[in-house]
C-alpha atoms as a PDB file:
ATOM      1  CA  MET A   1      73.951  -8.787  42.941  1.00  0.00           C
ATOM      2  CA  PRO A   2      73.015 -10.621  39.973  1.00  0.00           C
ATOM      3  CA  ARG A   3      75.628 -12.066  37.628  1.00  0.00           C
ATOM      4  CA  LEU A   4      76.226 -10.847  34.261  1.00  0.00           C
ATOM      5  CA  PRO A   5      76.369 -13.315  31.676  1.00  0.00           C
ATOM      6  CA  ARG A   6      79.490 -14.553  30.265  1.00  0.00           C
ATOM      7  CA  ASP A   7      81.502 -12.539  27.741  1.00  0.00           C
ATOM      8  CA  ILE A   8      81.910 -14.765  24.644  1.00  0.00           C
ATOM      9  CA  GLU A   9      83.854 -12.047  22.657  1.00  0.00           C
ATOM     10  CA  PRO A  10      87.083 -14.016  23.119  1.00  0.00           C
ATOM     11  CA  GLU A  11      85.414 -17.172  21.600  1.00  0.00           C
ATOM     12  CA  ALA A  12      83.899 -15.013  18.800  1.00  0.00           C
ATOM     13  CA  LEU A  13      87.689 -13.930  18.132  1.00  0.00           C
ATOM     14  CA  GLU A  14      88.870 -17.518  18.094  1.00  0.00           C
ATOM     15  CA  PHE A  15      85.976 -18.340  15.441  1.00  0.00           C
ATOM     16  CA  HIS A  16      87.180 -15.520  13.447  1.00  0.00           C
ATOM     17  CA  GLU A  17      90.566 -16.178  13.377  1.00  0.00           C
ATOM     18  CA  ALA A  18      89.763 -19.775  12.363  1.00  0.00           C
ATOM     19  CA  ASN A  19      87.475 -18.709   9.773  1.00  0.00           C
ATOM     20  CA  PRO A  20      88.633 -15.616   8.082  1.00  0.00           C
ATOM     21  CA  GLU A  21      86.342 -16.652   4.834  1.00  0.00           C
ATOM     22  CA  VAL A  22      83.283 -15.694   7.114  1.00  0.00           C
ATOM     23  CA  TRP A  23      84.804 -12.080   7.780  1.00  0.00           C
ATOM     24  CA  ARG A  24      85.670 -11.664   4.050  1.00  0.00           C
ATOM     25  CA  LEU A  25      82.148 -12.743   3.192  1.00  0.00           C
ATOM     26  CA  VAL A  26      80.511 -10.767   5.753  1.00  0.00           C
ATOM     27  CA  CYS A  27      82.312  -7.489   4.223  1.00  0.00           C
ATOM     28  CA  GLN A  28      81.476  -8.591   0.803  1.00  0.00           C
ATOM     29  CA  GLN A  29      77.728  -8.992   1.577  1.00  0.00           C
ATOM     30  CA  ALA A  30      77.631  -5.951   3.537  1.00  0.00           C
ATOM     31  CA  HIS A  31      79.467  -4.021   0.863  1.00  0.00           C
ATOM     32  CA  ARG A  32      76.842  -5.114  -1.672  1.00  0.00           C
ATOM     33  CA  ALA A  33      73.978  -3.852   0.696  1.00  0.00           C
ATOM     34  CA  ARG A  34      75.652  -0.586   1.098  1.00  0.00           C
ATOM     35  CA  THR A  35      76.219  -0.223  -2.898  1.00  0.00           C
ATOM     36  CA  ARG A  36      72.611  -0.993  -3.330  1.00  0.00           C
ATOM     37  CA  GLY A  37      71.792   2.152  -1.140  1.00  0.00           C
ATOM     38  CA  PHE A  38      70.869   0.523   2.249  1.00  0.00           C
ATOM     39  CA  LYS A  39      71.983   2.886   5.172  1.00  0.00           C
ATOM     40  CA  GLU A  40      70.883   0.091   7.599  1.00  0.00           C
ATOM     41  CA  PHE A  41      70.971  -3.536   7.389  1.00  0.00           C
ATOM     42  CA  ALA A  42      70.490  -6.725   9.379  1.00  0.00           C
ATOM     43  CA  ILE A  43      73.449  -8.822  10.142  1.00  0.00           C
ATOM     44  CA  ASP A  44      71.087 -11.657  10.612  1.00  0.00           C
ATOM     45  CA  MET A  45      70.369 -11.953   6.861  1.00  0.00           C
ATOM     46  CA  ILE A  46      73.966 -11.684   5.741  1.00  0.00           C
ATOM     47  CA  TRP A  47      74.690 -14.465   8.181  1.00  0.00           C
ATOM     48  CA  ASN A  48      72.125 -16.695   7.138  1.00  0.00           C
ATOM     49  CA  VAL A  49      73.202 -16.246   3.492  1.00  0.00           C
ATOM     50  CA  ILE A  50      76.796 -16.968   4.243  1.00  0.00           C
ATOM     51  CA  SER A  51      75.813 -19.933   6.200  1.00  0.00           C
ATOM     52  CA  TRP A  52      73.264 -21.449   3.780  1.00  0.00           C
ATOM     53  CA  GLU A  53      75.965 -20.824   0.929  1.00  0.00           C
ATOM     54  CA  GLN A  54      78.800 -22.351   2.827  1.00  0.00           C
ATOM     55  CA  GLN A  55      76.843 -25.448   3.776  1.00  0.00           C
ATOM     56  CA  LEU A  56      75.667 -25.833   0.265  1.00  0.00           C
ATOM     57  CA  ALA A  57      79.024 -25.685  -1.275  1.00  0.00           C
ATOM     58  CA  MET A  58      80.412 -28.132   1.183  1.00  0.00           C
ATOM     59  CA  GLY A  59      77.674 -30.942   0.719  1.00  0.00           C
ATOM     60  CA  PRO A  60      75.373 -32.921   2.894  1.00  0.00           C
ATOM     61  CA  GLY A  61      78.270 -34.877   4.268  1.00  0.00           C
ATOM     62  CA  HIS A  62      80.026 -31.812   5.905  1.00  0.00           C
ATOM     63  CA  LYS A  63      79.040 -29.671   8.799  1.00  0.00           C
ATOM     64  CA  PHE A  64      79.614 -26.157   8.804  1.00  0.00           C
ATOM     65  CA  LYS A  65      78.723 -24.224  11.869  1.00  0.00           C
ATOM     66  CA  MET A  66      78.160 -20.587  12.440  1.00  0.00           C
ATOM     67  CA  PRO A  67      77.217 -19.814  16.013  1.00  0.00           C
ATOM     68  CA  ASN A  68      74.424 -17.044  16.022  1.00  0.00           C
ATOM     69  CA  ASN A  69      76.011 -15.728  19.033  1.00  0.00           C
ATOM     70  CA  TYR A  70      78.954 -14.331  17.059  1.00  0.00           C
ATOM     71  CA  ARG A  71      76.773 -12.116  14.943  1.00  0.00           C
ATOM     72  CA  ALA A  72      76.662  -9.199  17.061  1.00  0.00           C
ATOM     73  CA  TYR A  73      80.522  -9.331  17.159  1.00  0.00           C
ATOM     74  CA  TYR A  74      80.504  -9.283  13.650  1.00  0.00           C
ATOM     75  CA  ALA A  75      78.491  -6.130  13.318  1.00  0.00           C
ATOM     76  CA  ARG A  76      80.327  -4.049  15.703  1.00  0.00           C
ATOM     77  CA  TRP A  77      83.809  -5.502  13.913  1.00  0.00           C
ATOM     78  CA  TYR A  78      82.234  -4.193  10.617  1.00  0.00           C
ATOM     79  CA  ASN A  79      80.832  -1.033  11.987  1.00  0.00           C
ATOM     80  CA  GLU A  80      84.143  -0.130  13.487  1.00  0.00           C
ATOM     81  CA  ALA A  81      86.034  -0.957  10.343  1.00  0.00           C
ATOM     82  CA  ILE A  82      84.082   1.092   8.010  1.00  0.00           C
ATOM     83  CA  GLY A  83      83.555   4.012  10.632  1.00  0.00           C
ATOM     84  CA  GLU A  84      79.546   3.982  10.084  1.00  0.00           C
ATOM     85  CA  LYS A  85      76.736   2.026  11.626  1.00  0.00           C
ATOM     86  CA  LEU A  86      75.144  -0.211   8.880  1.00  0.00           C
ATOM     87  CA  PHE A  87      74.461  -2.802  11.544  1.00  0.00           C
ATOM     88  CA  ARG A  88      72.096  -1.910  14.267  1.00  0.00           C
ATOM     89  CA  GLU A  89      73.926  -2.384  17.877  1.00  0.00           C
ATOM     90  CA  CYS A  90      72.294  -3.156  21.001  1.00  0.00           C
ATOM     91  CA  ARG A  91      74.087  -3.186  24.434  1.00  0.00           C
ATOM     92  CA  LEU A  92      75.594  -6.688  25.054  1.00  0.00           C
ATOM     93  CA  ARG A  93      73.884  -8.236  28.344  1.00  0.00           C
ATOM     94  CA  SER A  94      77.371  -9.569  29.345  1.00  0.00           C
ATOM     95  CA  ARG A  95      78.328  -5.838  29.661  1.00  0.00           C
ATOM     96  CA  GLY A  96      75.468  -4.858  31.874  1.00  0.00           C
ATOM     97  CA  GLY A  97      73.244  -3.782  28.767  1.00  0.00           C
ATOM     98  CA  GLY A  98      70.182  -5.603  30.312  1.00  0.00           C
ATOM     99  CA  SER A  99      67.673  -7.705  28.260  1.00  0.00           C
ATOM    100  CA  TYR A 100      66.338  -6.784  25.078  1.00  0.00           C
ATOM    101  CA  ASP A 101      64.339  -8.259  22.501  1.00  0.00           C
ATOM    102  CA  ARG A 102      65.245  -8.781  18.618  1.00  0.00           C
ATOM    103  CA  HIS A 103      64.002  -4.785  18.049  1.00  0.00           C
ATOM    104  CA  GLY A 104      66.434  -3.639  20.669  1.00  0.00           C
ATOM    105  CA  LEU A 105      63.519  -2.639  23.187  1.00  0.00           C
ATOM    106  CA  ASP A 106      64.201  -3.305  26.635  1.00  0.00           C
ATOM    107  CA  ARG A 107      61.978  -5.987  27.972  1.00  0.00           C
ATOM    108  CA  GLU A 108      61.203  -4.207  31.401  1.00  0.00           C
ATOM    109  CA  THR A 109      60.615  -0.908  30.117  1.00  0.00           C
ATOM    110  CA  ASP A 110      59.648  -1.064  26.249  1.00  0.00           C
ATOM    111  CA  GLU A 111      62.589   1.656  25.228  1.00  0.00           C
ATOM    112  CA  ARG A 112      65.125   1.389  22.705  1.00  0.00           C
ATOM    113  CA  ALA A 113      68.761   0.560  23.916  1.00  0.00           C
ATOM    114  CA  ASP A 114      71.459   2.866  23.229  1.00  0.00           C
ATOM    115  CA  PRO A 115      74.453   1.015  21.885  1.00  0.00           C
END
């Protein structure tokens, strides 16, 4: 039986607790998208904007790392917090969700994943 990939949600929670500013900024940017009329938005765009802004604010001598692997968890946490699905959610491979491309399509069947 194939092994499932390791679940990194505990690590994402550690990052979340150590960097509360990231959550505040995710919520702020997501709120901006919602007030502009977006019903769906990409967590990737918000994540990259925050990373960019944080790095510029800190300057070249500092390194602020926002692991891309945690984006899916922030998207889920935000959707849960507002009770809507602003961010698309794909099934996590660590929870038996299979292998999906960046559009949420199963690599073997080309069917869209249901979260």
